[in-house]
Amino acid sequence: MRKSPKVEAPRRGPEKPDLLTPEEQQQAARLISRELFPAGTKGSLEVTRTGAIGARDSGHGVFFVNDQKGDAFAVKRFRGAEDAEAELSATARAAKLGFKTLDVVGGYSLGELGTAVVTRRMPNLTTMNQIGWQDAQPGTEQYEEIAATLRSIGDFSGEMHARGMTHGDWQIKNVAVTLATGELSLEDFDRPPSQVFVAHDLEGATFAEDTDPFIFEGYCAEDLQTLTKSLVERGFLRSATPRVFQEELTDNLFVPYWEQTGSDRVFDLWQTQILPEAFKVREQSGSSQVAAMAGMVATGAALQ
């Protein structure tokens, strides 16, 4: 009997957050301004609290700046120049593969603060972290909309891998889309996935042309596993029966993915590792919620 191959040991993931203080953000903005606006020219960047694309969720403490014209930019800071270079290189390669990417202004040294990658703010950009995944209940109109969104995510994930790129940190919060109307609707997903989804946060990306095919498929499965886990951690199908949980995840996420890739190896890993891991995360999340509720009840009783 053939043994199903296992997902390789995870690659070195994106660096842990090390947020800049407001004062450090201002210092970084001044340093970038000196590069963008040479001596003798007018211009400066000012930190703003308004932004887009997961500012609160960023593992890099992305912050936003405006120039004197009112144009907005995102500043993604890395502690090491190597990771910043990886982000710049992967973004350029993703664009060549036909993916929509952020408009990169450039990479800039921040001295002891690290290195920054600056991109122009993209209008109507949002992440799939904004969807109420925890509220999805099969059989409701709301669920049908969420299921359609999930099918599009599965479709794009498969297209990304089929074109030869894996993300490296493929969580729901890193799945970004541009909205046609400014508000999320099913109409957004009537367009081809490559026109809807935006490839970003790519410092952990790998490319098929640089990687052994067997190892690359393992990275594909790793992306899919990370994506599935992030969905479950957000309470997706929390109250569904085990059978419904498995069927809905398979039909709405994996099937659209597999139709793009046709990977037998990832199919094996979906059945033998990714789904079992999803059930384990679901069980752990449920236990944590029950424990939290019990704690609240106990605290309330003690106060009476």
Protein backbone atom coordinates (compact mmCIF):
# COMPACT_ATOMS: atom_id res chain seq x y z
CA MET A 1 0.00 0.00 0.00
CA ARG A 2 1.43 3.37 -1.05
CA LYS A 3 2.04 5.77 1.80
CA SER A 4 0.82 9.32 1.39
CA PRO A 5 3.73 11.78 1.36
CA LYS A 6 3.88 14.30 4.14
CA VAL A 7 4.16 18.03 3.91
CA GLU A 8 7.81 19.02 4.23
CA ALA A 9 8.99 20.91 7.27
CA PRO A 10 7.64 24.48 7.05
CA ARG A 11 9.83 27.06 5.44
CA ARG A 12 11.12 29.94 7.46
CA GLY A 13 7.99 32.02 7.77
CA PRO A 14 7.57 35.77 7.83
CA GLU A 15 9.31 37.49 10.70
CA LYS A 16 7.43 38.11 13.92
CA PRO A 17 5.92 41.55 14.46
CA ASP A 18 8.19 44.13 15.98
CA LEU A 19 6.06 47.25 15.84
CA LEU A 20 7.53 50.70 15.51
CA THR A 21 6.49 53.30 18.05
CA PRO A 22 4.74 56.45 16.73
CA GLU A 23 8.02 58.32 17.16
CA GLU A 24 9.89 55.67 15.16
CA GLN A 25 7.27 55.80 12.43
CA GLN A 26 7.81 59.55 12.15
CA GLN A 27 11.57 58.97 12.01
CA ALA A 28 11.12 56.36 9.27
CA ALA A 29 8.88 58.74 7.29
CA ARG A 30 11.58 61.43 7.46
CA LEU A 31 14.26 59.00 6.25
CA ILE A 32 12.11 57.87 3.32
CA SER A 33 11.28 61.48 2.48
CA ARG A 34 14.97 62.26 2.07
CA GLU A 35 15.20 59.54 -0.58
CA LEU A 36 11.98 60.43 -2.37
CA PHE A 37 12.52 64.19 -2.25
CA PRO A 38 16.20 65.04 -2.73
CA ALA A 39 17.71 68.22 -1.32
CA GLY A 40 16.45 71.28 -3.11
CA THR A 41 13.03 69.80 -3.88
CA LYS A 42 9.84 70.27 -1.92
CA GLY A 43 8.05 67.32 -0.40
CA SER A 44 7.66 65.25 2.73
CA LEU A 45 5.72 62.32 4.08
CA GLU A 46 3.47 62.49 7.11
CA VAL A 47 2.25 59.48 9.09
CA THR A 48 -1.50 58.97 8.97
CA ARG A 49 -3.74 56.62 10.88
CA THR A 50 -5.91 55.88 7.86
CA GLY A 51 -4.93 53.04 5.61
CA ALA A 52 -5.94 49.78 4.07
CA ILE A 53 -4.98 46.15 3.69
CA GLY A 54 -5.00 44.80 7.19
CA ALA A 55 -3.14 47.50 9.09
CA ARG A 56 -4.29 46.05 12.40
CA ASP A 57 -3.37 42.52 11.42
CA SER A 58 -0.03 43.14 9.81
CA GLY A 59 2.81 40.99 11.03
CA HIS A 60 5.13 43.85 10.09
CA GLY A 61 3.36 46.79 11.64
CA VAL A 62 2.51 48.37 8.29
CA PHE A 63 1.81 52.06 8.68
CA PHE A 64 0.59 54.66 6.24
CA VAL A 65 1.90 58.01 5.09
CA ASN A 66 0.62 60.81 2.88
CA ASP A 67 2.63 63.19 0.77
CA GLN A 68 1.82 66.89 0.37
CA LYS A 69 -0.42 66.12 -2.62
CA GLY A 70 -2.55 63.83 -0.47
CA ASP A 71 -1.35 60.63 -2.16
CA ALA A 72 -1.26 57.69 0.25
CA PHE A 73 1.46 55.10 0.66
CA ALA A 74 1.90 51.98 2.78
CA VAL A 75 5.22 51.47 4.55
CA LYS A 76 6.08 47.87 5.38
CA ARG A 77 9.08 47.66 7.63
CA PHE A 78 11.50 44.72 7.86
CA ARG A 79 14.26 44.29 10.40
CA GLY A 80 16.55 42.78 7.75
CA ALA A 81 17.32 43.98 4.24
CA GLU A 82 17.24 40.37 2.97
CA ASP A 83 13.52 39.98 3.70
CA ALA A 84 12.76 43.33 2.09
CA GLU A 85 14.67 42.28 -1.04
CA ALA A 86 12.74 39.00 -1.09
CA GLU A 87 9.46 40.94 -0.95
CA LEU A 88 10.50 43.25 -3.80
CA SER A 89 11.77 40.39 -5.97
CA ALA A 90 8.72 38.18 -5.39
CA THR A 91 6.31 41.03 -6.10
CA ALA A 92 8.02 41.71 -9.43
CA ARG A 93 7.96 38.02 -10.33
CA ALA A 94 4.29 37.70 -9.38
CA ALA A 95 3.45 40.59 -11.70
CA LYS A 96 5.31 38.86 -14.53
CA LEU A 97 3.21 35.74 -13.90
CA GLY A 98 0.12 37.87 -14.51
CA PHE A 99 -1.03 38.51 -10.96
CA LYS A 100 -2.32 41.84 -9.74
CA THR A 101 0.19 43.24 -7.24
CA LEU A 102 0.72 46.35 -5.18
CA ASP A 103 2.39 49.27 -6.96
CA VAL A 104 5.88 49.30 -5.49
CA VAL A 105 7.61 52.66 -5.04
CA GLY A 106 10.85 51.12 -3.79
CA GLY A 107 12.89 49.81 -0.90
CA TYR A 108 14.53 52.24 1.55
CA SER A 109 17.06 51.89 4.34
CA LEU A 110 15.84 53.03 7.73
CA GLY A 111 19.21 52.75 9.41
CA GLU A 112 18.96 51.01 12.75
CA LEU A 113 15.19 50.68 12.26
CA GLY A 114 15.63 48.23 9.38
CA THR A 115 14.46 48.44 5.78
CA ALA A 116 11.13 49.60 4.38
CA VAL A 117 9.19 48.58 1.29
CA VAL A 118 6.92 51.42 0.18
CA THR A 119 3.86 50.84 -2.02
CA ARG A 120 1.13 53.11 -3.29
CA ARG A 121 -2.22 52.69 -1.65
CA MET A 122 -4.58 50.70 -3.87
CA PRO A 123 -8.19 52.00 -3.96
CA ASN A 124 -10.96 49.67 -2.74
CA LEU A 125 -8.50 47.15 -1.35
CA THR A 126 -9.60 44.91 1.52
CA THR A 127 -8.73 41.54 3.01
CA MET A 128 -10.90 38.47 3.50
CA ASN A 129 -10.36 38.94 7.22
CA GLN A 130 -13.25 41.41 7.08
CA ILE A 131 -15.82 38.67 6.37
CA GLY A 132 -17.88 37.25 9.25
CA TRP A 133 -16.73 33.67 8.72
CA GLN A 134 -17.88 32.72 12.21
CA ASP A 135 -21.49 33.64 11.39
CA ALA A 136 -21.77 31.27 8.41
CA GLN A 137 -24.57 28.73 8.81
CA PRO A 138 -25.32 26.33 5.91
CA GLY A 139 -28.78 26.80 4.43
CA THR A 140 -28.94 30.56 4.97
CA GLU A 141 -28.68 33.25 2.31
CA GLN A 142 -25.66 34.72 4.08
CA TYR A 143 -23.89 31.37 3.94
CA GLU A 144 -24.46 31.03 0.21
CA GLU A 145 -22.68 34.34 -0.30
CA ILE A 146 -19.80 33.32 1.95
CA ALA A 147 -19.55 29.91 0.26
CA ALA A 148 -19.33 31.63 -3.14
CA THR A 149 -16.54 33.83 -1.79
CA LEU A 150 -14.72 30.76 -0.47
CA ARG A 151 -14.99 29.05 -3.85
CA SER A 152 -13.34 32.07 -5.43
CA ILE A 153 -10.53 31.90 -2.86
CA GLY A 154 -10.05 28.21 -3.64
CA ASP A 155 -10.05 29.00 -7.35
CA PHE A 156 -7.44 31.73 -6.96
CA SER A 157 -5.29 29.58 -4.66
CA GLY A 158 -5.25 26.88 -7.32
CA GLU A 159 -4.50 29.39 -10.07
CA MET A 160 -1.63 30.82 -8.04
CA HIS A 161 -0.08 27.39 -7.62
CA ALA A 162 -0.81 26.30 -11.20
CA ARG A 163 1.06 29.37 -12.48
CA GLY A 164 4.04 28.42 -10.36
CA MET A 165 3.95 30.47 -7.15
CA THR A 166 3.21 29.66 -3.52
CA HIS A 167 2.63 32.35 -0.91
CA GLY A 168 4.31 31.05 2.24
CA ASP A 169 1.83 32.61 4.71
CA TRP A 170 -1.50 32.01 3.00
CA GLN A 171 -3.92 33.00 5.75
CA ILE A 172 -7.33 34.58 5.31
CA LYS A 173 -5.93 37.90 6.54
CA ASN A 174 -3.40 37.81 3.69
CA VAL A 175 -6.00 37.14 0.99
CA ALA A 176 -6.67 40.58 -0.49
CA VAL A 177 -9.13 41.72 -3.14
CA THR A 178 -9.97 44.91 -4.98
CA LEU A 179 -13.67 45.72 -4.84
CA ALA A 180 -15.51 46.90 -7.93
CA THR A 181 -18.03 48.96 -5.96
CA GLY A 182 -16.14 49.75 -2.76
CA GLU A 183 -18.28 47.26 -0.81
CA LEU A 184 -17.88 43.49 -0.81
CA SER A 185 -20.51 41.78 -2.96
CA LEU A 186 -20.90 38.66 -5.08
CA GLU A 187 -20.46 40.82 -8.17
CA ASP A 188 -16.80 41.21 -7.24
CA PHE A 189 -16.25 37.49 -7.78
CA ASP A 190 -17.87 37.35 -11.20
CA ARG A 191 -14.56 38.60 -12.58
CA PRO A 192 -11.59 36.27 -13.26
CA PRO A 193 -9.69 35.62 -10.00
CA SER A 194 -6.52 37.26 -11.31
CA GLN A 195 -8.48 40.52 -11.70
CA VAL A 196 -10.01 40.34 -8.22
CA PHE A 197 -7.28 39.07 -5.92
CA VAL A 198 -4.07 40.92 -5.13
CA ALA A 199 -0.81 39.07 -4.48
CA HIS A 200 0.95 40.79 -1.57
CA ASP A 201 3.04 40.02 1.54
CA LEU A 202 5.22 37.82 -0.65
CA GLU A 203 8.52 37.71 1.23
CA GLY A 204 7.89 34.00 1.94
CA ALA A 205 6.88 33.12 -1.63
CA THR A 206 8.48 30.31 -3.63
CA PHE A 207 8.44 29.73 -7.38
CA ALA A 208 8.17 26.47 -9.27
CA GLU A 209 11.01 27.35 -11.63
CA ASP A 210 13.41 27.50 -8.66
CA THR A 211 12.10 24.44 -6.80
CA ASP A 212 12.05 20.68 -7.19
CA PRO A 213 8.50 19.72 -8.35
CA PHE A 214 7.95 17.31 -5.45
CA ILE A 215 9.01 19.93 -2.90
CA PHE A 216 6.96 22.62 -4.64
CA GLU A 217 3.81 20.49 -4.29
CA GLY A 218 4.58 20.21 -0.59
CA TYR A 219 4.69 24.00 -0.40
CA CYS A 220 1.35 24.12 -2.23
CA ALA A 221 -0.16 21.81 0.39
CA GLU A 222 1.38 23.97 3.13
CA ASP A 223 -0.38 27.04 1.69
CA LEU A 224 -3.67 25.17 1.60
CA GLN A 225 -3.22 23.90 5.14
CA THR A 226 -2.45 27.38 6.49
CA LEU A 227 -5.47 28.82 4.68
CA THR A 228 -7.81 26.11 5.99
CA LYS A 229 -6.52 26.48 9.54
CA SER A 230 -7.05 30.25 9.48
CA LEU A 231 -10.66 29.72 8.37
CA VAL A 232 -11.37 27.24 11.13
CA GLU A 233 -9.72 29.43 13.76
CA ARG A 234 -12.18 32.16 12.81
CA GLY A 235 -15.08 29.86 13.61
CA PHE A 236 -16.05 28.87 10.08
CA LEU A 237 -18.71 26.12 10.28
CA ARG A 238 -18.19 26.00 14.04
CA SER A 239 -21.64 24.53 14.77
CA ALA A 240 -21.90 22.25 11.72
CA THR A 241 -21.87 18.49 12.06
CA PRO A 242 -18.56 16.77 11.25
CA ARG A 243 -20.00 15.50 7.97
CA VAL A 244 -21.23 18.93 6.88
CA PHE A 245 -17.96 20.51 8.02
CA GLN A 246 -15.92 18.15 5.83
CA GLU A 247 -18.24 18.33 2.82
CA GLU A 248 -18.51 22.12 2.80
CA LEU A 249 -14.76 22.66 3.15
CA THR A 250 -14.07 20.13 0.42
CA ASP A 251 -16.75 21.33 -2.01
CA ASN A 252 -16.17 25.06 -1.56
CA LEU A 253 -12.42 25.28 -1.00
CA PHE A 254 -10.60 22.18 -2.18
CA VAL A 255 -12.61 21.24 -5.28
CA PRO A 256 -12.21 24.70 -6.93
CA TYR A 257 -8.53 24.53 -5.98
CA TRP A 258 -8.02 21.05 -7.40
CA GLU A 259 -9.82 21.92 -10.64
CA GLN A 260 -7.02 24.43 -11.25
CA THR A 261 -4.07 22.20 -10.30
CA GLY A 262 -5.13 18.56 -10.65
CA SER A 263 -2.36 17.66 -8.18
CA ASP A 264 -2.74 14.05 -6.99
CA ARG A 265 -0.21 14.66 -4.25
CA VAL A 266 -2.09 17.64 -2.82
CA PHE A 267 -5.29 15.57 -3.11
CA ASP A 268 -3.68 12.88 -0.93
CA LEU A 269 -2.47 15.46 1.57
CA TRP A 270 -5.90 17.11 1.74
CA GLN A 271 -7.41 13.81 2.84
CA THR A 272 -4.63 12.54 5.09
CA GLN A 273 -3.28 15.70 6.71
CA ILE A 274 -5.09 18.95 5.94
CA LEU A 275 -8.64 17.83 6.79
CA PRO A 276 -7.59 15.93 9.95
CA GLU A 277 -5.67 19.00 11.08
CA ALA A 278 -8.76 21.15 10.43
CA PHE A 279 -10.85 18.87 12.64
CA LYS A 280 -8.19 19.07 15.36
CA VAL A 281 -8.10 22.88 15.23
CA ARG A 282 -11.91 22.97 15.29
CA GLU A 283 -11.99 20.77 18.37
CA GLN A 284 -9.33 22.85 20.13
CA SER A 285 -11.11 26.10 19.27
CA GLY A 286 -14.38 24.72 20.61
CA SER A 287 -12.73 23.58 23.83
CA SER A 288 -11.17 27.01 24.31
CA GLN A 289 -14.52 28.71 23.85
CA VAL A 290 -16.25 26.35 26.29
CA ALA A 291 -13.48 26.95 28.84
CA ALA A 292 -13.76 30.71 28.38
CA MET A 293 -17.53 30.62 28.86
CA ALA A 294 -17.15 28.43 31.95
CA GLY A 295 -14.65 30.91 33.35
CA MET A 296 -17.07 33.79 32.78
CA VAL A 297 -19.87 31.88 34.49
CA ALA A 298 -17.61 31.04 37.43
CA THR A 299 -16.51 34.66 37.75
CA GLY A 300 -20.11 35.83 37.66
CA ALA A 301 -21.09 33.34 40.34
CA ALA A 302 -18.22 34.46 42.56
CA LEU A 303 -19.32 38.08 42.27
CA GLN A 304 -22.88 37.32 43.38
